[in-house]
Amino acid sequence: MGRTSDYTKQVRNEEYENSVETTKKSAKSFADIKRMFAKEPMTAEQFGIYLGGCKAAGDFISDKTIKRYIEKLCKMSDGKITASKFMKTVDGTEVYIIQPEIQELLVAMFDTDFFGAKGKPKAGIDVKQRLRAQLAENVEIYLDESVKKQVKSAPQFLNARLEDILTEKINNEVRGMFATMKDSDDTIQYQLMLETLDRLVAIRRWMNEWNARINLIKQEFAKTEQEKQDAKNKTGLFKHKQLQDILIDVISNLLEGKEYEYISEEEEIYYPTLYAASKMYDITAMPGNELTLWLQEVEKNISNLKRYQYILKKARDLFDENDYLEKKILDSIDKIARTQLVSNESDMTPEQYERLVRFTEDASMEEKQEILCKLEQSGDLTLDEQTLKEIMKIKDAVEKKREYGIL
């Protein structure tokens, strides 16, 4: 083994001393900047030091990285946030200045796999789902109560928490199911596999049928070619917001000096839109309600239309009502046809669709919170039959609550 030269030793000593000095300086800087956090404006460099200091490993995050994160955030916002909102002129030079009211929200956004502050996500992980799970965790960790309240006023926080826990529960059940099949008696193993396959295919078909019906009815809210493309691609007003979108909305509002509202008191949903909702989401109207009487009259009038009768006759000639799957398809055709005939005579717009989604999600927040509590109490264990029954009972209450008199 070769001998290390005196020069190499000197260089290494200098590198070590510089590293120690940098570490001491960074530690001091973080301590100073921590006192500024959410109280005073920060430069991109200061914010990078704070964000890096939030990590257990004390990562170094440069001002260039922060600028790149901000640019990415602006792109995600679809124009709601622009880089100019972060720019200030100091001594004739434009610099990035991050205002205290949004610093907590930016840390919650940037300390995720999506922005790289946690490192690259592992192969095979659903990056979008992981992002939502991390954001939900960061909302609890980083945000003060007033900002947290604004974020949690939207159902997307609960959705992210439920999605994360339920995904893990489903994965556990699938793993357990395969383990049971592999450990079963060899004589019946193939039968268990066929029964499992039969049930899984039935569930997938049910999901596809319901989702296809929703997508087709959604098209009735689109009038122009661009709106039809948005409905198809889930963009524009047809985009269902996720937790990251809510945080962006809160940031955008705070930058403009406003408080975020998920639903305002002035917003209304028109009857034809609610009719479409009943066909999309299988909502049952409240008995005796004024709207219920209107819906019943509409159903009666549509049933008497020759065009509707012609469509249903052709469908019944093609599909067998005694077959479970074909009966479901017939039911979807009926609902799609009725919705289209209503939309031909009414003003169903993308704005109404976007509003409908928010109202429908908001109406079930109380039950979602109750389900989340049940799931969190179960921990990492497989759900027992009693707990699952209780959760499904709450879920069924959501279906009953989605009544037009309550929305």
Protein backbone atom coordinates (compact mmCIF):
# COMPACT_ATOMS: atom_id res chain seq x y z
CA MET A 1 0.00 0.00 0.00
CA GLY A 2 1.47 3.40 -1.02
CA ARG A 3 2.46 6.05 1.53
CA THR A 4 0.33 9.21 1.70
CA SER A 5 2.31 12.35 0.83
CA ASP A 6 2.60 15.31 3.22
CA TYR A 7 0.84 17.50 0.64
CA THR A 8 -2.15 15.12 0.48
CA LYS A 9 -2.33 15.07 4.27
CA GLN A 10 -2.31 18.87 4.34
CA VAL A 11 -5.13 19.07 1.76
CA ARG A 12 -7.21 16.55 3.67
CA ASN A 13 -6.68 18.41 6.94
CA GLU A 14 -7.74 21.67 5.31
CA GLU A 15 -10.85 19.99 3.83
CA TYR A 16 -11.71 18.57 7.24
CA GLU A 17 -11.25 21.94 8.97
CA ASN A 18 -13.37 23.67 6.31
CA SER A 19 -16.04 21.00 6.71
CA VAL A 20 -16.09 21.47 10.50
CA GLU A 21 -16.22 25.25 10.10
CA THR A 22 -19.05 25.00 7.56
CA THR A 23 -20.98 22.67 9.86
CA LYS A 24 -20.56 25.09 12.80
CA LYS A 25 -21.58 28.04 10.60
CA SER A 26 -24.63 26.17 9.27
CA ALA A 27 -25.68 25.16 12.77
CA LYS A 28 -25.41 28.77 13.92
CA SER A 29 -27.25 29.98 10.83
CA PHE A 30 -30.07 27.46 11.37
CA ALA A 31 -30.44 28.52 15.01
CA ASP A 32 -30.72 32.18 13.93
CA ILE A 33 -33.03 31.45 11.02
CA LYS A 34 -35.27 29.21 13.12
CA ARG A 35 -36.13 32.30 15.18
CA MET A 36 -37.11 34.11 11.98
CA PHE A 37 -39.34 31.30 10.68
CA ALA A 38 -42.98 32.29 10.13
CA LYS A 39 -42.20 35.70 11.67
CA GLU A 40 -39.94 37.51 9.20
CA PRO A 41 -39.33 37.45 5.41
CA MET A 42 -36.57 35.06 4.32
CA THR A 43 -34.25 34.98 1.34
CA ALA A 44 -34.07 31.79 -0.74
CA GLU A 45 -30.72 31.04 0.93
CA GLN A 46 -32.16 31.42 4.44
CA PHE A 47 -35.21 29.36 3.59
CA GLY A 48 -32.97 26.61 2.15
CA ILE A 49 -30.98 26.49 5.39
CA TYR A 50 -34.19 26.20 7.40
CA LEU A 51 -35.67 23.50 5.15
CA GLY A 52 -32.41 21.53 5.28
CA GLY A 53 -32.30 21.91 9.06
CA CYS A 54 -35.75 20.35 9.36
CA LYS A 55 -34.21 17.08 8.22
CA ALA A 56 -32.69 14.71 10.77
CA ALA A 57 -29.54 14.48 8.66
CA GLY A 58 -29.28 18.28 8.38
CA ASP A 59 -29.35 18.31 4.57
CA PHE A 60 -27.82 21.22 2.67
CA ILE A 61 -30.39 22.85 0.38
CA SER A 62 -29.05 25.71 -1.72
CA ASP A 63 -30.83 28.88 -2.78
CA LYS A 64 -30.78 27.58 -6.36
CA THR A 65 -32.68 24.49 -5.24
CA ILE A 66 -35.28 26.65 -3.48
CA LYS A 67 -35.72 28.74 -6.65
CA ARG A 68 -36.19 25.53 -8.63
CA TYR A 69 -38.79 24.32 -6.13
CA ILE A 70 -40.66 27.63 -6.43
CA GLU A 71 -40.65 27.38 -10.22
CA LYS A 72 -42.04 23.85 -9.98
CA LEU A 73 -44.72 25.01 -7.53
CA CYS A 74 -45.76 27.80 -9.92
CA LYS A 75 -46.06 25.27 -12.73
CA MET A 76 -48.19 22.98 -10.54
CA SER A 77 -50.53 25.88 -9.70
CA ASP A 78 -51.72 26.39 -13.31
CA GLY A 79 -51.10 30.13 -13.10
CA LYS A 80 -52.51 30.75 -9.61
CA ILE A 81 -49.00 31.38 -8.26
CA THR A 82 -46.28 33.13 -10.25
CA ALA A 83 -42.58 33.64 -9.52
CA SER A 84 -43.19 37.41 -9.41
CA LYS A 85 -45.07 36.89 -6.12
CA PHE A 86 -41.72 35.90 -4.57
CA MET A 87 -39.60 38.67 -6.14
CA LYS A 88 -38.51 41.86 -4.41
CA THR A 89 -36.12 44.56 -5.59
CA VAL A 90 -33.22 45.00 -3.18
CA ASP A 91 -30.51 47.55 -4.05
CA GLY A 92 -31.64 47.51 -7.66
CA THR A 93 -31.52 43.71 -7.92
CA GLU A 94 -34.49 41.34 -7.97
CA VAL A 95 -34.16 38.66 -5.29
CA TYR A 96 -36.39 35.88 -3.99
CA ILE A 97 -38.09 36.84 -0.72
CA ILE A 98 -40.42 34.37 1.00
CA GLN A 99 -43.05 36.03 3.16
CA PRO A 100 -43.65 34.64 6.68
CA GLU A 101 -47.35 33.86 6.14
CA ILE A 102 -46.55 31.16 3.55
CA GLN A 103 -43.29 29.74 4.93
CA GLU A 104 -44.95 26.91 6.83
CA LEU A 105 -46.97 25.88 3.77
CA LEU A 106 -43.87 25.89 1.56
CA VAL A 107 -41.98 23.67 4.01
CA ALA A 108 -44.97 21.28 4.04
CA MET A 109 -44.91 21.19 0.22
CA PHE A 110 -41.13 21.07 -0.29
CA ASP A 111 -40.38 18.44 2.38
CA THR A 112 -41.81 15.67 0.16
CA ASP A 113 -40.54 13.22 -2.45
CA PHE A 114 -42.18 15.33 -5.15
CA PHE A 115 -39.73 18.16 -4.58
CA GLY A 116 -36.80 15.93 -3.73
CA ALA A 117 -36.29 17.08 -0.15
CA LYS A 118 -36.85 13.51 1.05
CA GLY A 119 -34.82 11.97 -1.78
CA LYS A 120 -36.04 10.05 -4.81
CA PRO A 121 -39.03 7.72 -4.23
CA LYS A 122 -38.32 4.01 -4.30
CA ALA A 123 -39.12 2.01 -7.41
CA GLY A 124 -42.65 0.69 -7.57
CA ILE A 125 -44.15 3.29 -5.23
CA ASP A 126 -47.09 5.31 -6.51
CA VAL A 127 -45.40 8.73 -6.36
CA LYS A 128 -48.66 10.73 -6.39
CA GLN A 129 -50.18 8.71 -3.59
CA ARG A 130 -46.97 8.91 -1.58
CA LEU A 131 -46.94 12.69 -2.09
CA ARG A 132 -50.47 13.01 -0.69
CA ALA A 133 -49.59 10.84 2.32
CA GLN A 134 -46.48 12.93 3.03
CA LEU A 135 -48.42 16.17 2.64
CA ALA A 136 -51.09 14.99 5.11
CA GLU A 137 -48.32 14.15 7.59
CA ASN A 138 -46.61 17.51 7.00
CA VAL A 139 -49.87 19.42 7.52
CA GLU A 140 -49.93 18.04 11.08
CA ILE A 141 -46.21 18.66 11.67
CA TYR A 142 -45.51 22.08 10.16
CA LEU A 143 -48.69 24.18 10.04
CA ASP A 144 -49.95 26.34 12.89
CA GLU A 145 -53.57 25.95 13.92
CA SER A 146 -55.02 28.82 11.87
CA VAL A 147 -53.47 27.67 8.57
CA LYS A 148 -54.10 24.01 9.41
CA LYS A 149 -57.79 24.82 9.91
CA GLN A 150 -57.99 26.30 6.39
CA VAL A 151 -56.36 23.23 4.83
CA LYS A 152 -58.53 20.80 6.82
CA SER A 153 -61.71 22.64 5.83
CA ALA A 154 -61.34 20.84 2.50
CA PRO A 155 -62.08 17.07 2.36
CA GLN A 156 -58.84 16.35 0.49
CA PHE A 157 -56.92 16.09 3.78
CA LEU A 158 -59.23 13.33 5.01
CA ASN A 159 -59.14 11.69 1.57
CA ALA A 160 -55.33 11.55 1.65
CA ARG A 161 -55.28 10.02 5.14
CA LEU A 162 -57.97 7.45 4.28
CA GLU A 163 -56.31 6.56 0.98
CA ASP A 164 -52.95 5.97 2.67
CA ILE A 165 -54.34 3.74 5.43
CA LEU A 166 -56.80 1.84 3.22
CA THR A 167 -54.13 1.13 0.59
CA GLU A 168 -51.97 -0.49 3.25
CA LYS A 169 -54.96 -2.45 4.63
CA ILE A 170 -55.85 -3.73 1.15
CA ASN A 171 -52.23 -4.69 0.48
CA ASN A 172 -52.14 -6.60 3.78
CA GLU A 173 -55.34 -8.46 2.89
CA VAL A 174 -54.01 -9.39 -0.55
CA ARG A 175 -50.74 -10.64 0.94
CA GLY A 176 -52.67 -12.59 3.58
CA MET A 177 -54.97 -14.06 0.93
CA PHE A 178 -52.02 -15.35 -1.12
CA ALA A 179 -50.37 -16.74 1.99
CA THR A 180 -53.61 -18.60 2.86
CA MET A 181 -53.86 -20.07 -0.64
CA LYS A 182 -50.24 -21.21 -0.63
CA ASP A 183 -50.60 -22.86 2.79
CA SER A 184 -53.90 -24.56 1.92
CA ASP A 185 -54.35 -28.25 1.17
CA ASP A 186 -52.97 -29.01 -2.30
CA THR A 187 -56.23 -30.72 -3.29
CA ILE A 188 -58.30 -27.52 -2.96
CA GLN A 189 -55.62 -24.92 -3.78
CA TYR A 190 -56.64 -24.44 -7.43
CA GLN A 191 -60.31 -24.14 -6.37
CA LEU A 192 -59.45 -21.38 -3.91
CA MET A 193 -57.53 -19.58 -6.65
CA LEU A 194 -60.46 -19.82 -9.08
CA GLU A 195 -62.93 -18.55 -6.47
CA THR A 196 -60.60 -15.65 -5.67
CA LEU A 197 -60.19 -14.84 -9.36
CA ASP A 198 -63.95 -14.92 -9.90
CA ARG A 199 -64.57 -12.45 -7.08
CA LEU A 200 -61.72 -10.14 -8.12
CA VAL A 201 -62.95 -10.01 -11.73
CA ALA A 202 -66.50 -9.24 -10.51
CA ILE A 203 -65.22 -6.39 -8.32
CA ARG A 204 -63.14 -4.96 -11.18
CA ARG A 205 -66.13 -5.12 -13.57
CA TRP A 206 -68.33 -3.36 -11.02
CA MET A 207 -65.70 -0.63 -10.61
CA ASN A 208 -65.32 -0.23 -14.38
CA GLU A 209 -69.09 -0.05 -14.94
CA TRP A 210 -69.66 2.63 -12.30
CA ASN A 211 -66.61 4.66 -13.34
CA ALA A 212 -67.56 4.48 -17.04
CA ARG A 213 -71.07 5.72 -16.23
CA ILE A 214 -69.67 8.67 -14.26
CA ASN A 215 -67.31 9.59 -17.10
CA LEU A 216 -70.09 9.48 -19.70
CA ILE A 217 -72.49 11.57 -17.62
CA LYS A 218 -69.67 14.01 -16.89
CA GLN A 219 -69.47 14.70 -20.62
CA GLU A 220 -72.98 16.20 -20.45
CA PHE A 221 -71.55 19.18 -18.56
CA ALA A 222 -69.17 19.91 -21.45
CA LYS A 223 -70.43 21.96 -24.38
CA THR A 224 -67.36 23.15 -26.32
CA GLU A 225 -64.65 20.91 -27.78
CA GLN A 226 -62.15 22.18 -25.20
CA GLU A 227 -64.56 21.39 -22.37
CA LYS A 228 -65.09 17.89 -23.77
CA GLN A 229 -61.33 17.35 -23.82
CA ASP A 230 -61.10 18.64 -20.24
CA ALA A 231 -63.85 16.22 -19.16
CA LYS A 232 -62.06 13.33 -20.87
CA ASN A 233 -58.61 14.21 -19.50
CA LYS A 234 -59.78 15.36 -16.05
CA THR A 235 -58.32 18.84 -16.53
CA GLY A 236 -59.62 22.37 -16.11
CA LEU A 237 -62.89 22.51 -14.15
CA PHE A 238 -63.17 18.71 -14.49
CA LYS A 239 -60.02 18.14 -12.49
CA HIS A 240 -60.67 16.64 -9.06
CA LYS A 241 -58.47 18.47 -6.60
CA GLN A 242 -55.98 16.60 -4.46
CA LEU A 243 -54.35 17.73 -1.21
CA GLN A 244 -51.45 19.44 -3.02
CA ASP A 245 -53.99 21.53 -4.96
CA ILE A 246 -55.62 22.66 -1.71
CA LEU A 247 -52.26 23.74 -0.26
CA ILE A 248 -51.60 25.68 -3.48
CA ASP A 249 -55.02 27.36 -3.19
CA VAL A 250 -54.29 28.34 0.43
CA ILE A 251 -50.86 29.73 -0.56
CA SER A 252 -52.41 31.67 -3.45
CA ASN A 253 -55.06 33.18 -1.16
CA LEU A 254 -52.55 34.14 1.53
CA LEU A 255 -50.32 35.85 -1.04
CA GLU A 256 -53.34 37.97 -1.94
CA GLY A 257 -54.19 38.66 1.69
CA LYS A 258 -57.32 36.47 1.69
CA GLU A 259 -58.47 33.49 3.75
CA TYR A 260 -59.18 30.27 1.88
CA GLU A 261 -62.75 28.93 1.68
CA TYR A 262 -63.56 25.51 0.22
CA ILE A 263 -67.23 26.41 -0.23
CA SER A 264 -68.67 29.92 -0.03
CA GLU A 265 -72.19 30.72 1.18
CA GLU A 266 -73.13 32.33 -2.15
CA GLU A 267 -72.63 29.16 -4.23
CA GLU A 268 -75.64 27.24 -5.51
CA ILE A 269 -76.24 23.98 -7.36
CA TYR A 270 -79.06 23.92 -9.90
CA TYR A 271 -81.69 21.18 -10.07
CA PRO A 272 -80.53 19.67 -13.41
CA THR A 273 -77.01 19.31 -11.94
CA LEU A 274 -78.41 17.50 -8.91
CA TYR A 275 -80.40 15.25 -11.24
CA ALA A 276 -77.15 14.31 -13.01
CA ALA A 277 -75.53 13.70 -9.60
CA SER A 278 -78.26 11.23 -8.68
CA LYS A 279 -77.40 9.21 -11.79
CA MET A 280 -73.61 9.49 -11.35
CA TYR A 281 -73.31 8.72 -7.65
CA ASP A 282 -76.56 6.77 -7.00
CA ILE A 283 -77.82 9.44 -4.61
CA THR A 284 -81.30 9.02 -3.14
CA ALA A 285 -83.43 12.13 -2.64
CA MET A 286 -85.05 13.00 0.67
CA PRO A 287 -88.73 11.92 0.76
CA GLY A 288 -91.20 14.81 0.62
CA ASN A 289 -88.54 17.37 -0.29
CA GLU A 290 -89.46 20.01 -2.89
CA LEU A 291 -86.57 18.85 -5.05
CA THR A 292 -87.68 15.22 -4.73
CA LEU A 293 -91.07 16.11 -6.17
CA TRP A 294 -89.35 17.90 -9.06
CA LEU A 295 -87.11 14.88 -9.71
CA GLN A 296 -90.07 12.52 -9.68
CA GLU A 297 -91.87 14.70 -12.22
CA VAL A 298 -88.77 14.76 -14.44
CA GLU A 299 -88.43 10.96 -14.23
CA LYS A 300 -92.08 10.57 -15.23
CA ASN A 301 -91.76 12.97 -18.18
CA ILE A 302 -88.59 11.26 -19.46
CA SER A 303 -90.19 7.82 -19.19
CA ASN A 304 -92.98 9.05 -21.51
CA LEU A 305 -90.59 10.37 -24.17
CA LYS A 306 -90.54 8.29 -27.36
CA ARG A 307 -86.81 8.90 -27.77
CA TYR A 308 -86.11 7.44 -24.31
CA GLN A 309 -88.43 4.48 -24.92
CA TYR A 310 -86.71 3.74 -28.25
CA ILE A 311 -83.22 3.77 -26.64
CA LEU A 312 -84.28 1.45 -23.82
CA LYS A 313 -86.03 -0.96 -26.21
CA LYS A 314 -82.83 -1.32 -28.28
CA ALA A 315 -80.78 -1.82 -25.11
CA ARG A 316 -83.13 -4.51 -23.76
CA ASP A 317 -83.01 -6.31 -27.11
CA LEU A 318 -79.23 -6.45 -26.79
CA PHE A 319 -78.71 -7.17 -23.08
CA ASP A 320 -80.18 -9.87 -20.82
CA GLU A 321 -81.84 -8.44 -17.70
CA ASN A 322 -81.48 -11.81 -15.97
CA ASP A 323 -77.66 -11.67 -16.24
CA TYR A 324 -76.13 -9.78 -13.30
CA LEU A 325 -73.47 -7.88 -15.28
CA GLU A 326 -75.72 -7.15 -18.28
CA LYS A 327 -78.42 -5.87 -15.92
CA LYS A 328 -75.86 -3.44 -14.46
CA ILE A 329 -75.02 -2.27 -17.99
CA LEU A 330 -78.72 -1.77 -18.75
CA ASP A 331 -79.08 0.26 -15.56
CA SER A 332 -76.16 2.47 -16.61
CA ILE A 333 -77.61 2.99 -20.09
CA ASP A 334 -80.90 4.04 -18.49
CA LYS A 335 -79.18 6.60 -16.24
CA ILE A 336 -76.95 7.95 -19.03
CA ALA A 337 -79.92 8.32 -21.42
CA ARG A 338 -82.02 10.13 -18.83
CA THR A 339 -79.17 12.51 -17.98
CA GLN A 340 -78.52 13.31 -21.64
CA LEU A 341 -82.19 14.10 -22.26
CA VAL A 342 -82.21 16.45 -19.25
CA SER A 343 -78.95 18.14 -20.29
CA ASN A 344 -80.40 18.81 -23.78
CA GLU A 345 -83.04 21.01 -22.15
CA SER A 346 -80.99 22.68 -19.40
CA ASP A 347 -77.82 24.60 -18.68
CA MET A 348 -75.37 22.08 -17.23
CA THR A 349 -71.94 23.75 -17.25
CA PRO A 350 -68.38 22.79 -16.20
CA GLU A 351 -68.71 25.34 -13.37
CA GLN A 352 -71.75 23.47 -12.06
CA TYR A 353 -69.88 20.14 -12.26
CA GLU A 354 -66.89 21.51 -10.33
CA ARG A 355 -69.24 22.90 -7.69
CA LEU A 356 -71.15 19.61 -7.48
CA VAL A 357 -67.96 17.66 -6.73
CA ARG A 358 -67.05 20.04 -3.90
CA PHE A 359 -70.53 19.93 -2.38
CA THR A 360 -70.71 16.12 -2.61
CA GLU A 361 -67.27 15.68 -1.00
CA ASP A 362 -68.03 18.21 1.72
CA ALA A 363 -71.31 16.48 2.65
CA SER A 364 -69.51 13.29 3.76
CA MET A 365 -66.63 14.80 5.80
CA GLU A 366 -68.13 13.95 9.18
CA GLU A 367 -68.50 10.26 8.28
CA LYS A 368 -65.02 10.14 6.74
CA GLN A 369 -63.56 11.46 9.99
CA GLU A 370 -65.38 8.74 11.90
CA ILE A 371 -64.07 6.06 9.53
CA LEU A 372 -60.54 7.46 9.86
CA CYS A 373 -60.75 7.21 13.66
CA LYS A 374 -61.82 3.55 13.41
CA LEU A 375 -58.95 2.75 11.04
CA GLU A 376 -56.35 4.55 13.16
CA GLN A 377 -57.52 2.69 16.26
CA SER A 378 -56.95 -0.63 14.47
CA GLY A 379 -53.27 0.23 13.97
CA ASP A 380 -51.28 -2.09 11.70
CA LEU A 381 -53.47 -5.06 12.51
CA THR A 382 -55.85 -6.70 10.05
CA LEU A 383 -59.37 -5.36 10.49
CA ASP A 384 -61.55 -7.69 12.52
CA GLU A 385 -65.06 -8.50 11.33
CA GLN A 386 -66.78 -6.28 13.92
CA THR A 387 -64.66 -3.20 13.11
CA LEU A 388 -65.18 -3.69 9.39
CA LYS A 389 -68.95 -3.96 9.93
CA GLU A 390 -68.90 -0.70 11.89
CA ILE A 391 -66.91 1.04 9.13
CA MET A 392 -69.24 -0.21 6.40
CA LYS A 393 -72.22 0.96 8.46
CA ILE A 394 -70.71 4.45 8.55
CA LYS A 395 -70.03 4.24 4.80
CA ASP A 396 -73.67 3.29 4.20
CA ALA A 397 -74.72 6.31 6.27
CA VAL A 398 -72.78 8.47 3.79
CA GLU A 399 -74.92 7.08 0.97
CA LYS A 400 -78.08 7.93 2.93
CA LYS A 401 -76.81 11.39 3.86
CA ARG A 402 -76.18 12.32 0.24
CA GLU A 403 -79.72 13.59 -0.01
CA TYR A 404 -80.52 16.76 -1.83
CA GLY A 405 -82.12 18.37 1.18
CA ILE A 406 -78.77 18.05 3.04
CA LEU A 407 -76.28 19.00 0.33
